Amino acid sequence: MLPLTGKTIIFDSFPDPSDTWEIIETIGKGTYGKVFKVLNKKNGSKAAVKILDPVHVTHHAV
């Protein structure tokens, strides 16, 4: 977890998650986005990830 330092987090500076994760299928939809089953390309583990729709994303200083 990132420390709360009062600085803005620039998400564009994070590495591209598609280098590590592959979307397998959509497992749910909600008001703010979709939930996907994903596969880790490096170790074969599976997880769920929620991807938010850009229209609901707001910029906040943390």
N, C-alpha and C. Protein backbone atom coordinates (compact mmCIF):
# COMPACT_ATOMS: atom_id res chain seq x y z
N MET A 1 0.84 -1.18 0.00
CA MET A 1 0.00 0.00 0.00
C MET A 1 0.89 1.24 0.00
N LEU A 2 0.46 2.26 -0.72
CA LEU A 2 1.23 3.49 -0.81
C LEU A 2 1.04 4.34 0.45
N PRO A 3 2.09 4.97 0.92
CA PRO A 3 1.95 5.84 2.10
C PRO A 3 1.15 7.10 1.75
N LEU A 4 0.41 7.61 2.71
CA LEU A 4 -0.35 8.84 2.50
C LEU A 4 0.56 10.03 2.77
N THR A 5 1.08 10.61 1.70
CA THR A 5 2.04 11.69 1.85
C THR A 5 1.49 13.05 1.44
N GLY A 6 0.24 13.09 0.97
CA GLY A 6 -0.32 14.35 0.51
C GLY A 6 0.09 14.71 -0.90
N LYS A 7 0.75 13.78 -1.59
CA LYS A 7 1.18 14.03 -2.96
C LYS A 7 0.19 13.40 -3.93
N THR A 8 0.19 13.88 -5.15
CA THR A 8 -0.65 13.32 -6.19
C THR A 8 0.02 12.09 -6.78
N ILE A 9 -0.75 11.03 -6.98
CA ILE A 9 -0.24 9.81 -7.60
C ILE A 9 -0.50 9.90 -9.10
N ILE A 10 0.52 9.78 -9.90
CA ILE A 10 0.39 9.82 -11.35
C ILE A 10 0.32 8.38 -11.85
N PHE A 11 -0.88 7.92 -12.17
CA PHE A 11 -1.07 6.53 -12.55
C PHE A 11 -0.42 6.20 -13.89
N ASP A 12 -0.22 7.20 -14.75
CA ASP A 12 0.44 6.96 -16.03
C ASP A 12 1.88 6.49 -15.86
N SER A 13 2.46 6.72 -14.68
CA SER A 13 3.85 6.33 -14.44
C SER A 13 3.98 4.86 -14.01
N PHE A 14 2.85 4.19 -13.75
CA PHE A 14 2.89 2.78 -13.39
C PHE A 14 3.15 1.93 -14.64
N PRO A 15 3.78 0.76 -14.48
CA PRO A 15 4.02 -0.11 -15.64
C PRO A 15 2.69 -0.62 -16.22
N ASP A 16 2.70 -0.93 -17.50
CA ASP A 16 1.52 -1.44 -18.19
C ASP A 16 1.16 -2.82 -17.61
N PRO A 17 -0.02 -2.97 -17.01
CA PRO A 17 -0.38 -4.26 -16.41
C PRO A 17 -0.56 -5.38 -17.42
N SER A 18 -0.77 -5.05 -18.69
CA SER A 18 -0.95 -6.11 -19.69
C SER A 18 0.34 -6.86 -19.98
N ASP A 19 1.48 -6.33 -19.49
CA ASP A 19 2.74 -7.07 -19.60
C ASP A 19 2.73 -8.28 -18.67
N THR A 20 1.98 -8.20 -17.58
CA THR A 20 1.93 -9.27 -16.58
C THR A 20 0.61 -10.02 -16.59
N TRP A 21 -0.50 -9.31 -16.82
CA TRP A 21 -1.83 -9.91 -16.68
C TRP A 21 -2.54 -10.02 -18.02
N GLU A 22 -3.28 -11.12 -18.19
CA GLU A 22 -4.11 -11.34 -19.37
C GLU A 22 -5.56 -11.49 -18.91
N ILE A 23 -6.47 -10.75 -19.53
CA ILE A 23 -7.89 -10.86 -19.20
C ILE A 23 -8.43 -12.15 -19.79
N ILE A 24 -9.04 -12.98 -18.94
CA ILE A 24 -9.60 -14.25 -19.38
C ILE A 24 -11.08 -14.10 -19.73
N GLU A 25 -11.84 -13.46 -18.82
CA GLU A 25 -13.27 -13.30 -19.07
C GLU A 25 -13.84 -12.22 -18.15
N THR A 26 -14.98 -11.67 -18.55
CA THR A 26 -15.73 -10.74 -17.71
C THR A 26 -16.54 -11.56 -16.72
N ILE A 27 -16.43 -11.23 -15.44
CA ILE A 27 -17.20 -11.97 -14.43
C ILE A 27 -18.24 -11.11 -13.73
N GLY A 28 -18.28 -9.81 -14.03
CA GLY A 28 -19.29 -8.96 -13.43
C GLY A 28 -19.26 -7.55 -13.98
N LYS A 29 -20.39 -6.85 -13.82
CA LYS A 29 -20.49 -5.46 -14.24
C LYS A 29 -21.17 -4.69 -13.12
N GLY A 30 -20.79 -3.44 -12.99
CA GLY A 30 -21.41 -2.60 -11.97
C GLY A 30 -21.52 -1.17 -12.45
N THR A 31 -21.92 -0.31 -11.56
CA THR A 31 -22.10 1.10 -11.87
C THR A 31 -20.81 1.76 -12.31
N TYR A 32 -19.71 1.38 -11.70
CA TYR A 32 -18.45 2.08 -11.94
C TYR A 32 -17.48 1.35 -12.86
N GLY A 33 -17.80 0.14 -13.29
CA GLY A 33 -16.89 -0.58 -14.17
C GLY A 33 -17.21 -2.05 -14.27
N LYS A 34 -16.24 -2.83 -14.74
CA LYS A 34 -16.40 -4.27 -14.93
C LYS A 34 -15.36 -5.02 -14.10
N VAL A 35 -15.70 -6.25 -13.73
CA VAL A 35 -14.79 -7.12 -13.01
C VAL A 35 -14.39 -8.25 -13.95
N PHE A 36 -13.08 -8.49 -14.02
CA PHE A 36 -12.55 -9.50 -14.93
C PHE A 36 -11.77 -10.56 -14.17
N LYS A 37 -11.82 -11.80 -14.68
CA LYS A 37 -10.90 -12.84 -14.22
C LYS A 37 -9.64 -12.64 -15.05
N VAL A 38 -8.48 -12.60 -14.38
CA VAL A 38 -7.21 -12.38 -15.08
C VAL A 38 -6.22 -13.48 -14.74
N LEU A 39 -5.27 -13.67 -15.63
CA LEU A 39 -4.24 -14.69 -15.48
C LEU A 39 -2.88 -14.02 -15.46
N ASN A 40 -2.07 -14.35 -14.45
CA ASN A 40 -0.70 -13.84 -14.37
C ASN A 40 0.15 -14.62 -15.37
N LYS A 41 0.69 -13.93 -16.37
CA LYS A 41 1.47 -14.58 -17.43
C LYS A 41 2.79 -15.14 -16.92
N LYS A 42 3.26 -14.63 -15.79
CA LYS A 42 4.58 -15.03 -15.29
C LYS A 42 4.52 -16.27 -14.40
N ASN A 43 3.44 -16.41 -13.59
CA ASN A 43 3.41 -17.56 -12.67
C ASN A 43 2.13 -18.39 -12.75
N GLY A 44 1.20 -18.01 -13.62
CA GLY A 44 -0.01 -18.80 -13.82
C GLY A 44 -1.11 -18.60 -12.79
N SER A 45 -0.90 -17.71 -11.82
CA SER A 45 -1.94 -17.47 -10.81
C SER A 45 -3.11 -16.71 -11.43
N LYS A 46 -4.28 -16.88 -10.83
CA LYS A 46 -5.48 -16.19 -11.30
C LYS A 46 -5.94 -15.21 -10.22
N ALA A 47 -6.60 -14.16 -10.67
CA ALA A 47 -7.10 -13.13 -9.75
C ALA A 47 -8.31 -12.47 -10.40
N ALA A 48 -8.95 -11.59 -9.65
CA ALA A 48 -10.03 -10.76 -10.17
C ALA A 48 -9.57 -9.31 -10.09
N VAL A 49 -9.94 -8.54 -11.10
CA VAL A 49 -9.58 -7.12 -11.10
C VAL A 49 -10.78 -6.31 -11.58
N LYS A 50 -11.00 -5.17 -10.93
CA LYS A 50 -12.07 -4.27 -11.34
C LYS A 50 -11.45 -3.12 -12.11
N ILE A 51 -11.95 -2.89 -13.31
CA ILE A 51 -11.47 -1.78 -14.13
C ILE A 51 -12.58 -0.74 -14.17
N LEU A 52 -12.25 0.45 -13.69
CA LEU A 52 -13.24 1.53 -13.61
C LEU A 52 -13.45 2.18 -14.96
N ASP A 53 -14.69 2.56 -15.24
CA ASP A 53 -15.00 3.33 -16.43
C ASP A 53 -14.43 4.74 -16.26
N PRO A 54 -13.80 5.29 -17.30
CA PRO A 54 -13.18 6.62 -17.17
C PRO A 54 -14.16 7.72 -16.78
N VAL A 55 -15.42 7.61 -17.13
CA VAL A 55 -16.39 8.66 -16.82
C VAL A 55 -16.58 8.82 -15.31
N HIS A 56 -16.31 7.79 -14.53
CA HIS A 56 -16.50 7.86 -13.08
C HIS A 56 -15.21 8.16 -12.33
N VAL A 57 -14.10 8.24 -13.03
CA VAL A 57 -12.81 8.47 -12.39
C VAL A 57 -12.67 9.97 -12.11
N THR A 58 -12.28 10.30 -10.89
CA THR A 58 -12.02 11.69 -10.54
C THR A 58 -10.59 11.80 -10.04
N HIS A 59 -10.04 12.97 -10.11
CA HIS A 59 -8.67 13.19 -9.67
C HIS A 59 -8.69 13.81 -8.28
N HIS A 60 -8.05 13.14 -7.35
CA HIS A 60 -7.98 13.62 -5.97
C HIS A 60 -6.52 13.65 -5.54
N ALA A 61 -6.16 14.64 -4.80
CA ALA A 61 -4.85 14.64 -4.15
C ALA A 61 -4.95 13.72 -2.95
N VAL A 62 -3.97 12.86 -2.79
CA VAL A 62 -3.98 11.91 -1.67
C VAL A 62 -3.06 12.41 -0.59
